[in-house]
Amino acid sequence: MDLTSFRIEHYHGPHKQSAAVVKYPLAADLGGRRVLLVDDVSDSGATFEVALDHLRTPGTVTAIRTAAVHHKIQSRFTPDFHVAGILKWRWLTYPWALLEDLTTFVGEMRPVP
């Protein structure tokens, strides 16, 4: 099993960008491979859609399956696998994004603490 990554940005803290974009593209050749695409959350579905397009561009993969820790049911994309479904929209903060999220939220508080 090989592991590789690429980065797509759709949010900066609580702010949603107009479109999900590939910030750091895939460097590996996945031609002929079976791929498991994993993200922390399927929120709007845009990140998964951009990621799937990006994976299909460089070469022909044998198969792509998708997985997320959380799947928000209003998402237009449903991953093949997810740990938990979120029925009501809410902001989720993950340990790897805690500093970025808190810094942005506190910076936008009025009055500033």
Foldseek 3Di string as FASTA:
>chain_A
DDDWDWDWDQDQQPRGDPAIDTPGATPDDQAAAEEEAEDAEQDQVRNVVVVVVRNPPRYHYPYYFYEYQEYEVNHPDDGPYYNYYDDDDDDDDDPVCVVRNVVVVLVPDVPRD
